[in-house]
Amino acid sequence: MNHKEKLLQIYNELHEIFDKNNHLVEAVEIKHGQEITLQIVYRAKEKILKYNPGRYYILASKDVKKSEAAQINEVIKEMALEHGCQLIVNGIIPTIKYYLRLIMSITDFIELYSKLIESDTELQKIHKEKWNEILGRLMIDD
């Protein structure tokens, strides 16, 4: 298993971002080893209607299920028109690549991200151990 796959294993859950007034701004749902299916998108729609984020990401290590792609796109359009929420369905690796290019200091990012992982009470011990294994390998690779 390579570094990317191990990093993907760390998070396979929902993460939320709140503004200073404690309103939900964004939610990120990560699916490791799964295609994005219509059922996953319908569950996201229920969460969007209940919690009212402005943007909701569904990121997966596999693509959108081809046979359901048209229906998934319809739900995405419907959510934008009826609710105003931007529902974004994408691959996790392309998304990470896109956002990593915006990071000015990888060292600062890893340090801050490590602190977030350490303080996250929802992460299981195994996830934190895996992150430390990845960090150990990164130190050796330097």
Foldseek 3Di string as FASTA:
>chain_A
DDLVLLLLVLDQAKDFDADPVRQTAEIEGEHEPDAAEPVNLVVVVVVCVVRPYQEYEYEYQDYHDVVCVVVSVVSQVCCCVVRVHRYHYYYPVVVCVVVVVVDPDPVVVLVVVLVCSVPDPPGDPVSNVSSVVSVVVVVVVD
